[in-house]
Amino acid sequence: MGFYRRNYYEVLSCMFLALIPINGMASSGLSYTFYSTTCPKALSTIRGAVNTAVAKEHRMGASLLRLHFHDCFVNGCDGSILLDDTANFTGEKTAGPNANSVRGFEVIDDIKSKVESICPGVVSCADILAVAARDSVVVLGGPTWTVQLGRRDSTTASLDDAETDIPPPGLSLDDLISAFSDKGFNAKEMVALSGSHTIGQARCLVFRDRIYNDDNIDSTFSESLKSNCPDSDGDDNLFALDETSPAVFDNGYFKNLVDNKGLLHSDQELFNGGSTDSQVSSYASSATTFYKDFAAAMAKMGKMSPITGTKGQVRANCRKIN
C-alpha cells in the first residue's frame, strides 16, 4: 500500500465495502462468486502459488501487494502494470515509480499459467493481482478480506499516468491526504493503506534524504542506517521498511512511527504533530483495529475503476494483449 517517485521500494500491500461509487470506485459487474461455476478452483490455485512463492522469499509478499497498489492507482485495477511495451504504447514498467523497483512479474506469470491450465481464457490478470495481494498479506500473518471478482484486463497502458498517479515518498502529510483524496480515499484510509509498509524493503536512494536531513528521526536509528546508505553511494542497498518484524504483517510499522523510526519521509509524516497522529497511536496500540481498517481500505482499492462486462479482455498472457 506506500509511495514512490523514481526507482521506488517495496511495498505499497477489506471486509467493509464502499456502498456508493466514489471517484470511479463502482463495484458494478464485480461479484464474490464470479468464478464459482466457470473456474471453481481459481482461488485455491492462486493461493497455493502465492504461498509457495512467499515461502521461497518472504519479500515476494510485499512485492505482490505493491503490484496491486501500483496497478489500481493508475487508471484502475485493470492489470495494465503487467503489460510489456509495444510498438503502439510504452507501458508502465519503466515509469519512475516502477523502473528497477516493482517485481513479482514472474510469479504472476506462473499463477496465470497454472490457472490457464485448468480454466483457459476465464480468469483475468487483474483479478489474479487482486487475489494475490490478499493472499500475500494473509500468508505473512495479516488480515483477510473477501475480494470481489470479475475484472477484465486492459488493452493498453500509460507511462505518463504511472509517472504522475503514484504518490512519491517525499510528500508532506497535506500532500498525501490530497493525493489519496484524488483517488477517492479519505485520510483514515490513507493511513491504513500506509500500513502495508509493515512488510517490504526500500532502497537507499529513497530514504537517504530522510536519514541525513530530517530532524524528526531517532538518532540511533538514523546512524544505524548510514553505514548501509552512505551520503553519496549505495543507491540500491536495501533496508526493511519495518526493521522490527520485516517478514510479518503486523502493526510494527506504526509502533516505529511513534518512536520516530519511520524509514521514509512520507511514513513519518503520519506521526509528526499532525491530524493523523491519534490514528497512528491507535494502530500502534491495537493490531486488531489496524487489521480491520486495512482490510476495508484494500477491498475499496480493489474496486477502483474496474473494466467489466464485455469491455477489455481476459489476456492469455499477462504481459501482452491477445
C-alpha atoms as a PDB file:
ATOM      1  CA  MET A   1       0.000   0.000   0.000  1.00  0.00           C
ATOM      2  CA  GLY A   2       3.369   3.306   0.029  1.00  0.00           C
ATOM      3  CA  PHE A   3       4.575   5.991  -2.116  1.00  0.00           C
ATOM      4  CA  TYR A   4       7.184   6.389  -4.791  1.00  0.00           C
ATOM      5  CA  ARG A   5       8.675   8.660  -7.474  1.00  0.00           C
ATOM      6  CA  ARG A   6      11.847   7.219  -9.016  1.00  0.00           C
ATOM      7  CA  ASN A   7      13.008   3.614  -8.720  1.00  0.00           C
ATOM      8  CA  TYR A   8      10.946   3.020  -5.663  1.00  0.00           C
ATOM      9  CA  TYR A   9      10.883   0.433  -2.999  1.00  0.00           C
ATOM     10  CA  GLU A  10       8.769  -2.443  -1.953  1.00  0.00           C
ATOM     11  CA  VAL A  11       5.985  -2.043  -0.880  1.00  0.00           C
ATOM     12  CA  LEU A  12       2.676  -0.298  -1.410  1.00  0.00           C
ATOM     13  CA  SER A  13       0.201  -4.157   0.012  1.00  0.00           C
ATOM     14  CA  CYS A  14     -11.261  -5.371   3.108  1.00  0.00           C
ATOM     15  CA  MET A  15     -14.036  -6.520   4.905  1.00  0.00           C
ATOM     16  CA  PHE A  16     -16.181  -3.408   4.696  1.00  0.00           C
ATOM     17  CA  LEU A  17     -17.235  -2.403   1.192  1.00  0.00           C
ATOM     18  CA  ALA A  18     -17.984   1.025  -0.191  1.00  0.00           C
ATOM     19  CA  LEU A  19     -21.716   1.393  -0.547  1.00  0.00           C
ATOM     20  CA  ILE A  20     -21.642   4.037  -3.236  1.00  0.00           C
ATOM     21  CA  PRO A  21     -19.278   4.751  -6.149  1.00  0.00           C
ATOM     22  CA  ILE A  22     -16.543   7.264  -5.301  1.00  0.00           C
ATOM     23  CA  ASN A  23     -14.209   8.610  -7.995  1.00  0.00           C
ATOM     24  CA  GLY A  24     -14.828   5.626 -10.278  1.00  0.00           C
ATOM     25  CA  MET A  25     -14.922   3.036  -7.495  1.00  0.00           C
ATOM     26  CA  ALA A  26     -18.150   1.437  -8.662  1.00  0.00           C
ATOM     27  CA  SER A  27     -18.468  -2.278  -7.989  1.00  0.00           C
ATOM     28  CA  SER A  28     -20.861  -2.846 -10.915  1.00  0.00           C
ATOM     29  CA  GLY A  29     -20.007  -6.078 -12.662  1.00  0.00           C
ATOM     30  CA  LEU A  30     -17.964  -7.469  -9.760  1.00  0.00           C
ATOM     31  CA  SER A  31     -19.121 -10.414  -7.707  1.00  0.00           C
ATOM     32  CA  TYR A  32     -17.885 -12.509  -4.797  1.00  0.00           C
ATOM     33  CA  THR A  33     -18.826 -15.664  -6.696  1.00  0.00           C
ATOM     34  CA  PHE A  34     -17.752 -14.683 -10.199  1.00  0.00           C
ATOM     35  CA  TYR A  35     -15.736 -17.855 -10.852  1.00  0.00           C
ATOM     36  CA  SER A  36     -17.759 -20.261  -8.719  1.00  0.00           C
ATOM     37  CA  THR A  37     -19.020 -22.160 -11.762  1.00  0.00           C
ATOM     38  CA  THR A  38     -16.611 -21.114 -14.540  1.00  0.00           C
ATOM     39  CA  CYS A  39     -13.405 -21.797 -12.590  1.00  0.00           C
ATOM     40  CA  PRO A  40     -14.162 -23.115  -9.102  1.00  0.00           C
ATOM     41  CA  LYS A  41     -10.509 -23.929  -8.354  1.00  0.00           C
ATOM     42  CA  ALA A  42      -9.212 -20.497  -9.353  1.00  0.00           C
ATOM     43  CA  LEU A  43      -8.860 -19.060  -5.838  1.00  0.00           C
ATOM     44  CA  SER A  44      -7.225 -22.161  -4.349  1.00  0.00           C
ATOM     45  CA  THR A  45      -4.816 -22.312  -7.279  1.00  0.00           C
ATOM     46  CA  ILE A  46      -3.794 -18.679  -6.812  1.00  0.00           C
ATOM     47  CA  ARG A  47      -3.449 -19.135  -3.060  1.00  0.00           C
ATOM     48  CA  GLY A  48      -1.232 -22.200  -3.450  1.00  0.00           C
ATOM     49  CA  ALA A  49       1.086 -20.439  -5.898  1.00  0.00           C
ATOM     50  CA  VAL A  50       1.350 -17.347  -3.684  1.00  0.00           C
ATOM     51  CA  ASN A  51       2.108 -19.451  -0.615  1.00  0.00           C
ATOM     52  CA  THR A  52       4.869 -21.262  -2.490  1.00  0.00           C
ATOM     53  CA  ALA A  53       6.404 -18.032  -3.792  1.00  0.00           C
ATOM     54  CA  VAL A  54       6.363 -16.303  -0.403  1.00  0.00           C
ATOM     55  CA  ALA A  55       7.789 -19.385   1.310  1.00  0.00           C
ATOM     56  CA  LYS A  56      10.750 -19.178  -1.083  1.00  0.00           C
ATOM     57  CA  GLU A  57      11.199 -15.449  -0.494  1.00  0.00           C
ATOM     58  CA  HIS A  58       9.239 -13.559   2.155  1.00  0.00           C
ATOM     59  CA  ARG A  59       9.904 -10.278   0.367  1.00  0.00           C
ATOM     60  CA  MET A  60       7.733 -11.501  -2.510  1.00  0.00           C
ATOM     61  CA  GLY A  61       4.614 -10.967  -0.391  1.00  0.00           C
ATOM     62  CA  ALA A  62       5.305  -7.239  -0.275  1.00  0.00           C
ATOM     63  CA  SER A  63       6.128  -7.224  -3.978  1.00  0.00           C
ATOM     64  CA  LEU A  64       2.786  -8.756  -4.941  1.00  0.00           C
ATOM     65  CA  LEU A  65       0.894  -6.383  -2.657  1.00  0.00           C
ATOM     66  CA  ARG A  66       2.685  -3.441  -4.217  1.00  0.00           C
ATOM     67  CA  LEU A  67       1.954  -4.630  -7.762  1.00  0.00           C
ATOM     68  CA  HIS A  68      -1.762  -4.472  -6.969  1.00  0.00           C
ATOM     69  CA  PHE A  69      -1.427  -0.977  -5.481  1.00  0.00           C
ATOM     70  CA  HIS A  70       0.513   0.350  -8.454  1.00  0.00           C
ATOM     71  CA  ASP A  71      -1.935  -1.254 -10.841  1.00  0.00           C
ATOM     72  CA  CYS A  72      -5.046   0.194  -9.205  1.00  0.00           C
ATOM     73  CA  PHE A  73      -3.686   3.714  -8.735  1.00  0.00           C
ATOM     74  CA  VAL A  74      -3.031   4.093 -12.465  1.00  0.00           C
ATOM     75  CA  ASN A  75      -6.372   4.082 -14.313  1.00  0.00           C
ATOM     76  CA  GLY A  76      -7.928   1.473 -12.069  1.00  0.00           C
ATOM     77  CA  CYS A  77      -7.411  -2.213 -11.278  1.00  0.00           C
ATOM     78  CA  ASP A  78      -7.024  -3.424 -14.856  1.00  0.00           C
ATOM     79  CA  GLY A  79      -3.733  -5.335 -14.990  1.00  0.00           C
ATOM     80  CA  SER A  80      -2.110  -2.589 -17.069  1.00  0.00           C
ATOM     81  CA  ILE A  81       1.080  -2.648 -14.980  1.00  0.00           C
ATOM     82  CA  LEU A  82       1.807  -6.142 -16.287  1.00  0.00           C
ATOM     83  CA  LEU A  83       1.936  -5.157 -19.966  1.00  0.00           C
ATOM     84  CA  ASP A  84       5.269  -5.000 -21.752  1.00  0.00           C
ATOM     85  CA  ASP A  85       5.996  -2.155 -24.144  1.00  0.00           C
ATOM     86  CA  THR A  86       4.698  -2.497 -27.703  1.00  0.00           C
ATOM     87  CA  ALA A  87       5.016  -0.563 -30.941  1.00  0.00           C
ATOM     88  CA  ASN A  88       1.724   1.169 -30.058  1.00  0.00           C
ATOM     89  CA  PHE A  89       2.376   2.211 -26.460  1.00  0.00           C
ATOM     90  CA  THR A  90       5.037   2.453 -23.787  1.00  0.00           C
ATOM     91  CA  GLY A  91       3.872   0.574 -20.726  1.00  0.00           C
ATOM     92  CA  GLU A  92       4.088   1.389 -17.041  1.00  0.00           C
ATOM     93  CA  LYS A  93       7.038  -0.788 -16.064  1.00  0.00           C
ATOM     94  CA  THR A  94       9.637   1.854 -16.905  1.00  0.00           C
ATOM     95  CA  ALA A  95       7.862   4.732 -15.174  1.00  0.00           C
ATOM     96  CA  GLY A  96       9.799   6.350 -12.329  1.00  0.00           C
ATOM     97  CA  PRO A  97       7.832   4.687  -9.520  1.00  0.00           C
ATOM     98  CA  ASN A  98       8.260   1.267 -11.156  1.00  0.00           C
ATOM     99  CA  ALA A  99      11.577   1.093 -13.008  1.00  0.00           C
ATOM    100  CA  ASN A 100      14.124  -1.228 -11.375  1.00  0.00           C
ATOM    101  CA  SER A 101      11.729  -1.467  -8.456  1.00  0.00           C
ATOM    102  CA  VAL A 102       8.415  -3.253  -8.939  1.00  0.00           C
ATOM    103  CA  ARG A 103       8.867  -7.004  -9.107  1.00  0.00           C
ATOM    104  CA  GLY A 104       6.967 -10.256  -8.937  1.00  0.00           C
ATOM    105  CA  PHE A 105       6.045 -10.415 -12.612  1.00  0.00           C
ATOM    106  CA  GLU A 106       7.401 -13.952 -12.907  1.00  0.00           C
ATOM    107  CA  VAL A 107       5.198 -15.062 -10.016  1.00  0.00           C
ATOM    108  CA  ILE A 108       2.138 -13.602 -11.751  1.00  0.00           C
ATOM    109  CA  ASP A 109       3.208 -15.396 -14.945  1.00  0.00           C
ATOM    110  CA  ASP A 110       3.397 -18.663 -13.022  1.00  0.00           C
ATOM    111  CA  ILE A 111      -0.012 -18.145 -11.435  1.00  0.00           C
ATOM    112  CA  LYS A 112      -1.551 -17.276 -14.789  1.00  0.00           C
ATOM    113  CA  SER A 113      -0.073 -20.414 -16.367  1.00  0.00           C
ATOM    114  CA  LYS A 114      -1.485 -22.589 -13.606  1.00  0.00           C
ATOM    115  CA  VAL A 115      -4.938 -21.001 -13.856  1.00  0.00           C
ATOM    116  CA  GLU A 116      -4.966 -21.197 -17.654  1.00  0.00           C
ATOM    117  CA  SER A 117      -4.199 -24.910 -17.440  1.00  0.00           C
ATOM    118  CA  ILE A 118      -7.441 -25.549 -15.574  1.00  0.00           C
ATOM    119  CA  CYS A 119      -9.671 -22.771 -16.957  1.00  0.00           C
ATOM    120  CA  PRO A 120      -8.298 -21.325 -20.194  1.00  0.00           C
ATOM    121  CA  GLY A 121      -9.466 -17.832 -21.063  1.00  0.00           C
ATOM    122  CA  VAL A 122     -11.538 -17.336 -17.912  1.00  0.00           C
ATOM    123  CA  VAL A 123      -9.582 -15.652 -15.093  1.00  0.00           C
ATOM    124  CA  SER A 124      -8.204 -12.177 -15.758  1.00  0.00           C
ATOM    125  CA  CYS A 125      -4.746 -10.939 -14.837  1.00  0.00           C
ATOM    126  CA  ALA A 126      -6.341  -8.036 -12.949  1.00  0.00           C
ATOM    127  CA  ASP A 127      -8.241 -10.474 -10.738  1.00  0.00           C
ATOM    128  CA  ILE A 128      -5.086 -12.509 -10.184  1.00  0.00           C
ATOM    129  CA  LEU A 129      -3.327  -9.372  -8.915  1.00  0.00           C
ATOM    130  CA  ALA A 130      -6.174  -8.568  -6.526  1.00  0.00           C
ATOM    131  CA  VAL A 131      -6.342 -12.078  -5.083  1.00  0.00           C
ATOM    132  CA  ALA A 132      -2.560 -12.495  -4.907  1.00  0.00           C
ATOM    133  CA  ALA A 133      -2.266  -9.265  -2.910  1.00  0.00           C
ATOM    134  CA  ARG A 134      -4.818 -10.509  -0.379  1.00  0.00           C
ATOM    135  CA  ASP A 135      -3.207 -13.943  -0.141  1.00  0.00           C
ATOM    136  CA  SER A 136       0.242 -12.377   0.343  1.00  0.00           C
ATOM    137  CA  VAL A 137      -0.981 -10.403   3.339  1.00  0.00           C
ATOM    138  CA  VAL A 138      -2.638 -13.480   4.831  1.00  0.00           C
ATOM    139  CA  VAL A 139       0.373 -15.785   4.450  1.00  0.00           C
ATOM    140  CA  LEU A 140       2.537 -13.200   6.226  1.00  0.00           C
ATOM    141  CA  GLY A 141       0.165 -13.125   9.190  1.00  0.00           C
ATOM    142  CA  GLY A 142      -2.121 -10.226   8.274  1.00  0.00           C
ATOM    143  CA  PRO A 143      -5.899  -9.939   7.903  1.00  0.00           C
ATOM    144  CA  THR A 144      -8.053 -11.391   5.183  1.00  0.00           C
ATOM    145  CA  TRP A 145     -10.893  -9.880   3.200  1.00  0.00           C
ATOM    146  CA  THR A 146     -13.261 -11.085   0.520  1.00  0.00           C
ATOM    147  CA  VAL A 147     -12.174  -9.978  -2.951  1.00  0.00           C
ATOM    148  CA  GLN A 148     -14.866  -9.112  -5.440  1.00  0.00           C
ATOM    149  CA  LEU A 149     -14.077 -10.597  -8.841  1.00  0.00           C
ATOM    150  CA  GLY A 150     -14.918 -10.074 -12.475  1.00  0.00           C
ATOM    151  CA  ARG A 151     -12.346  -7.503 -13.539  1.00  0.00           C
ATOM    152  CA  ARG A 152     -11.223  -7.681 -17.121  1.00  0.00           C
ATOM    153  CA  ASP A 153      -7.825  -6.726 -18.468  1.00  0.00           C
ATOM    154  CA  SER A 154      -6.903  -3.505 -20.214  1.00  0.00           C
ATOM    155  CA  THR A 155      -5.625  -3.481 -23.765  1.00  0.00           C
ATOM    156  CA  THR A 156      -3.251  -0.567 -23.196  1.00  0.00           C
ATOM    157  CA  ALA A 157      -1.104   1.091 -20.528  1.00  0.00           C
ATOM    158  CA  SER A 158       0.108   4.615 -19.813  1.00  0.00           C
ATOM    159  CA  LEU A 159       3.666   5.553 -18.913  1.00  0.00           C
ATOM    160  CA  ASP A 160       2.633   9.169 -18.325  1.00  0.00           C
ATOM    161  CA  ASP A 161      -0.142   8.275 -15.903  1.00  0.00           C
ATOM    162  CA  ALA A 162       2.146   5.932 -14.000  1.00  0.00           C
ATOM    163  CA  GLU A 163       4.625   8.784 -13.620  1.00  0.00           C
ATOM    164  CA  THR A 164       2.048  11.098 -12.050  1.00  0.00           C
ATOM    165  CA  ASP A 165      -0.567   8.999 -10.252  1.00  0.00           C
ATOM    166  CA  ILE A 166       1.508   7.146  -7.654  1.00  0.00           C
ATOM    167  CA  PRO A 167       2.267   9.260  -4.548  1.00  0.00           C
ATOM    168  CA  PRO A 168       6.031   9.728  -4.032  1.00  0.00           C
ATOM    169  CA  PRO A 169       7.855   9.124  -0.722  1.00  0.00           C
ATOM    170  CA  GLY A 170       8.792  12.736  -0.061  1.00  0.00           C
ATOM    171  CA  LEU A 171       5.273  14.118   0.304  1.00  0.00           C
ATOM    172  CA  SER A 172       4.057  16.125   3.266  1.00  0.00           C
ATOM    173  CA  LEU A 173       1.006  14.982   5.207  1.00  0.00           C
ATOM    174  CA  ASP A 174      -1.228  17.503   3.443  1.00  0.00           C
ATOM    175  CA  ASP A 175       0.014  16.334   0.057  1.00  0.00           C
ATOM    176  CA  LEU A 176      -0.504  12.693   0.986  1.00  0.00           C
ATOM    177  CA  ILE A 177      -4.071  13.416   2.043  1.00  0.00           C
ATOM    178  CA  SER A 178      -4.647  15.287  -1.214  1.00  0.00           C
ATOM    179  CA  ALA A 179      -3.094  12.570  -3.391  1.00  0.00           C
ATOM    180  CA  PHE A 180      -5.243   9.851  -1.851  1.00  0.00           C
ATOM    181  CA  SER A 181      -8.318  12.057  -1.913  1.00  0.00           C
ATOM    182  CA  ASP A 182      -7.851  12.357  -5.670  1.00  0.00           C
ATOM    183  CA  LYS A 183      -8.290   8.577  -5.802  1.00  0.00           C
ATOM    184  CA  GLY A 184     -11.345   8.546  -3.558  1.00  0.00           C
ATOM    185  CA  PHE A 185      -9.732   7.749  -0.208  1.00  0.00           C
ATOM    186  CA  ASN A 186     -10.071   9.749   2.992  1.00  0.00           C
ATOM    187  CA  ALA A 187      -7.225  10.410   5.420  1.00  0.00           C
ATOM    188  CA  LYS A 188      -8.142   7.454   7.626  1.00  0.00           C
ATOM    189  CA  GLU A 189      -7.983   5.079   4.665  1.00  0.00           C
ATOM    190  CA  MET A 190      -4.687   6.609   3.554  1.00  0.00           C
ATOM    191  CA  VAL A 191      -3.106   5.890   6.933  1.00  0.00           C
ATOM    192  CA  ALA A 192      -4.481   2.352   6.967  1.00  0.00           C
ATOM    193  CA  LEU A 193      -3.123   1.619   3.490  1.00  0.00           C
ATOM    194  CA  SER A 194       0.254   3.057   4.505  1.00  0.00           C
ATOM    195  CA  GLY A 195       0.422   0.192   6.981  1.00  0.00           C
ATOM    196  CA  SER A 196       1.396  -2.008   4.042  1.00  0.00           C
ATOM    197  CA  HIS A 197       4.897  -0.745   4.865  1.00  0.00           C
ATOM    198  CA  THR A 198       4.963  -3.211   7.719  1.00  0.00           C
ATOM    199  CA  ILE A 199       6.471  -5.549   5.093  1.00  0.00           C
ATOM    200  CA  GLY A 200       8.919  -4.968   2.253  1.00  0.00           C
ATOM    201  CA  GLN A 201      12.114  -3.051   1.727  1.00  0.00           C
ATOM    202  CA  ALA A 202      13.231   0.355   0.480  1.00  0.00           C
ATOM    203  CA  ARG A 203      16.290   1.376  -1.486  1.00  0.00           C
ATOM    204  CA  CYS A 204      18.849   3.759  -0.006  1.00  0.00           C
ATOM    205  CA  LEU A 205      18.044   6.167  -2.836  1.00  0.00           C
ATOM    206  CA  VAL A 206      14.565   6.873  -1.470  1.00  0.00           C
ATOM    207  CA  PHE A 207      15.391   7.249   2.229  1.00  0.00           C
ATOM    208  CA  ARG A 208      18.825   8.927   2.035  1.00  0.00           C
ATOM    209  CA  ASP A 209      17.443  12.462   2.352  1.00  0.00           C
ATOM    210  CA  ARG A 210      15.482  11.483   5.435  1.00  0.00           C
ATOM    211  CA  ILE A 211      18.337   9.945   7.396  1.00  0.00           C
ATOM    212  CA  TYR A 212      20.740  12.787   6.607  1.00  0.00           C
ATOM    213  CA  ASN A 213      18.424  15.799   6.639  1.00  0.00           C
ATOM    214  CA  ASP A 214      15.210  15.181   8.635  1.00  0.00           C
ATOM    215  CA  ASP A 215      15.196  16.156  12.306  1.00  0.00           C
ATOM    216  CA  ASN A 216      12.178  14.057  13.319  1.00  0.00           C
ATOM    217  CA  ILE A 217      14.116  10.798  13.281  1.00  0.00           C
ATOM    218  CA  ASP A 218      15.551   8.778  16.148  1.00  0.00           C
ATOM    219  CA  SER A 219      19.293   9.479  16.126  1.00  0.00           C
ATOM    220  CA  THR A 220      20.331   5.904  16.897  1.00  0.00           C
ATOM    221  CA  PHE A 221      18.077   4.650  14.121  1.00  0.00           C
ATOM    222  CA  SER A 222      19.435   7.103  11.557  1.00  0.00           C
ATOM    223  CA  GLU A 223      23.047   6.329  12.454  1.00  0.00           C
ATOM    224  CA  SER A 224      22.399   2.606  12.056  1.00  0.00           C
ATOM    225  CA  LEU A 225      21.190   3.246   8.511  1.00  0.00           C
ATOM    226  CA  LYS A 226      24.084   5.427   7.391  1.00  0.00           C
ATOM    227  CA  SER A 227      26.549   2.538   7.298  1.00  0.00           C
ATOM    228  CA  ASN A 228      24.399   0.836   4.665  1.00  0.00           C
ATOM    229  CA  CYS A 229      23.360   4.082   2.984  1.00  0.00           C
ATOM    230  CA  PRO A 230      26.302   6.479   2.666  1.00  0.00           C
ATOM    231  CA  ASP A 231      25.583  10.012   1.549  1.00  0.00           C
ATOM    232  CA  SER A 232      26.917   9.534  -1.979  1.00  0.00           C
ATOM    233  CA  ASP A 233      26.879   5.807  -2.748  1.00  0.00           C
ATOM    234  CA  GLY A 234      24.882   2.620  -2.342  1.00  0.00           C
ATOM    235  CA  ASP A 235      21.674   3.720  -4.052  1.00  0.00           C
ATOM    236  CA  ASP A 236      20.468   0.135  -4.447  1.00  0.00           C
ATOM    237  CA  ASN A 237      21.211  -1.012  -0.901  1.00  0.00           C
ATOM    238  CA  LEU A 238      18.043  -2.267   0.757  1.00  0.00           C
ATOM    239  CA  PHE A 239      16.655  -1.807   4.244  1.00  0.00           C
ATOM    240  CA  ALA A 240      13.442  -3.124   5.769  1.00  0.00           C
ATOM    241  CA  LEU A 241      10.557  -0.664   5.959  1.00  0.00           C
ATOM    242  CA  ASP A 242       9.775  -2.214   9.362  1.00  0.00           C
ATOM    243  CA  GLU A 243      13.024  -3.406  10.893  1.00  0.00           C
ATOM    244  CA  THR A 244      11.323  -4.912  13.952  1.00  0.00           C
ATOM    245  CA  SER A 245       9.386  -7.618  12.070  1.00  0.00           C
ATOM    246  CA  PRO A 246      10.148  -7.304   8.336  1.00  0.00           C
ATOM    247  CA  ALA A 247       8.630 -10.632   7.320  1.00  0.00           C
ATOM    248  CA  VAL A 248       5.433 -10.382   9.381  1.00  0.00           C
ATOM    249  CA  PHE A 249       2.355  -8.332   8.544  1.00  0.00           C
ATOM    250  CA  ASP A 250       1.637  -6.686  11.901  1.00  0.00           C
ATOM    251  CA  ASN A 251       1.350  -3.214  13.433  1.00  0.00           C
ATOM    252  CA  GLY A 252       5.082  -2.805  13.985  1.00  0.00           C
ATOM    253  CA  TYR A 253       5.219  -0.080  11.315  1.00  0.00           C
ATOM    254  CA  PHE A 254       3.011   2.186  13.437  1.00  0.00           C
ATOM    255  CA  LYS A 255       4.979   1.468  16.589  1.00  0.00           C
ATOM    256  CA  ASN A 256       8.063   2.569  14.696  1.00  0.00           C
ATOM    257  CA  LEU A 257       6.401   5.847  13.708  1.00  0.00           C
ATOM    258  CA  VAL A 258       5.566   6.619  17.332  1.00  0.00           C
ATOM    259  CA  ASP A 259       9.273   6.115  18.095  1.00  0.00           C
ATOM    260  CA  ASN A 260      10.331   8.375  15.174  1.00  0.00           C
ATOM    261  CA  LYS A 261      11.704   5.377  13.285  1.00  0.00           C
ATOM    262  CA  GLY A 262       9.772   5.702  10.050  1.00  0.00           C
ATOM    263  CA  LEU A 263      12.110   4.847   7.184  1.00  0.00           C
ATOM    264  CA  LEU A 264      10.589   7.172   4.593  1.00  0.00           C
ATOM    265  CA  HIS A 265       9.828  10.855   4.948  1.00  0.00           C
ATOM    266  CA  SER A 266       6.196  10.211   3.976  1.00  0.00           C
ATOM    267  CA  ASP A 267       5.975   7.478   6.605  1.00  0.00           C
ATOM    268  CA  GLN A 268       6.993   9.749   9.470  1.00  0.00           C
ATOM    269  CA  GLU A 269       4.678  12.491   8.210  1.00  0.00           C
ATOM    270  CA  LEU A 270       1.812  10.343   9.503  1.00  0.00           C
ATOM    271  CA  PHE A 271       3.101  10.903  13.046  1.00  0.00           C
ATOM    272  CA  ASN A 272       4.643  14.326  13.197  1.00  0.00           C
ATOM    273  CA  GLY A 273       2.308  16.534  15.215  1.00  0.00           C
ATOM    274  CA  GLY A 274      -0.435  16.476  12.594  1.00  0.00           C
ATOM    275  CA  SER A 275      -4.026  15.362  12.183  1.00  0.00           C
ATOM    276  CA  THR A 276      -3.224  11.652  11.813  1.00  0.00           C
ATOM    277  CA  ASP A 277      -1.154  11.254  14.988  1.00  0.00           C
ATOM    278  CA  SER A 278      -4.041   9.832  17.003  1.00  0.00           C
ATOM    279  CA  GLN A 279      -4.837   7.242  14.356  1.00  0.00           C
ATOM    280  CA  VAL A 280      -1.218   6.101  14.220  1.00  0.00           C
ATOM    281  CA  SER A 281      -1.211   5.799  18.024  1.00  0.00           C
ATOM    282  CA  SER A 282      -4.413   3.771  17.859  1.00  0.00           C
ATOM    283  CA  TYR A 283      -2.935   1.343  15.351  1.00  0.00           C
ATOM    284  CA  ALA A 284       0.296   1.103  17.347  1.00  0.00           C
ATOM    285  CA  SER A 285      -1.762   0.071  20.364  1.00  0.00           C
ATOM    286  CA  SER A 286      -4.168  -2.269  18.574  1.00  0.00           C
ATOM    287  CA  ALA A 287      -3.272  -4.548  15.691  1.00  0.00           C
ATOM    288  CA  THR A 288      -6.930  -5.593  15.553  1.00  0.00           C
ATOM    289  CA  THR A 289      -8.046  -2.038  14.800  1.00  0.00           C
ATOM    290  CA  PHE A 290      -5.385  -1.676  12.110  1.00  0.00           C
ATOM    291  CA  TYR A 291      -6.302  -5.006  10.512  1.00  0.00           C
ATOM    292  CA  LYS A 292      -9.978  -4.103  10.301  1.00  0.00           C
ATOM    293  CA  ASP A 293      -9.326  -0.718   8.697  1.00  0.00           C
ATOM    294  CA  PHE A 294      -6.634  -2.057   6.362  1.00  0.00           C
ATOM    295  CA  ALA A 295      -8.885  -4.844   5.112  1.00  0.00           C
ATOM    296  CA  ALA A 296     -11.701  -2.385   4.444  1.00  0.00           C
ATOM    297  CA  ALA A 297      -9.410   0.011   2.578  1.00  0.00           C
ATOM    298  CA  MET A 298      -7.927  -2.804   0.483  1.00  0.00           C
ATOM    299  CA  ALA A 299     -11.363  -4.046  -0.558  1.00  0.00           C
ATOM    300  CA  LYS A 300     -12.231  -0.499  -1.578  1.00  0.00           C
ATOM    301  CA  MET A 301      -8.991  -0.090  -3.515  1.00  0.00           C
ATOM    302  CA  GLY A 302      -9.675  -3.301  -5.393  1.00  0.00           C
ATOM    303  CA  LYS A 303     -12.833  -1.757  -6.839  1.00  0.00           C
ATOM    304  CA  MET A 304     -11.126   1.261  -8.395  1.00  0.00           C
ATOM    305  CA  SER A 305     -12.481   1.716 -11.933  1.00  0.00           C
ATOM    306  CA  PRO A 306     -12.626  -1.948 -12.946  1.00  0.00           C
ATOM    307  CA  ILE A 307     -13.166  -2.984 -16.551  1.00  0.00           C
ATOM    308  CA  THR A 308     -16.141  -5.340 -16.580  1.00  0.00           C
ATOM    309  CA  GLY A 309     -18.707  -6.936 -18.845  1.00  0.00           C
ATOM    310  CA  THR A 310     -17.626  -7.158 -22.465  1.00  0.00           C
ATOM    311  CA  LYS A 311     -15.056  -4.356 -22.277  1.00  0.00           C
ATOM    312  CA  GLY A 312     -11.355  -5.121 -22.259  1.00  0.00           C
ATOM    313  CA  GLN A 313     -10.326  -8.761 -22.470  1.00  0.00           C
ATOM    314  CA  VAL A 314      -9.054 -11.725 -20.485  1.00  0.00           C
ATOM    315  CA  ARG A 315      -5.420 -11.927 -21.505  1.00  0.00           C
ATOM    316  CA  ALA A 316      -3.935 -15.340 -22.182  1.00  0.00           C
ATOM    317  CA  ASN A 317      -0.511 -13.907 -21.307  1.00  0.00           C
ATOM    318  CA  CYS A 318      -0.487 -11.143 -18.711  1.00  0.00           C
ATOM    319  CA  ARG A 319       2.434  -9.401 -20.426  1.00  0.00           C
ATOM    320  CA  LYS A 320       0.690  -8.789 -23.756  1.00  0.00           C
ATOM    321  CA  ILE A 321      -2.741  -8.230 -25.244  1.00  0.00           C
ATOM    322  CA  ASN A 322      -4.400 -11.085 -27.086  1.00  0.00           C
END
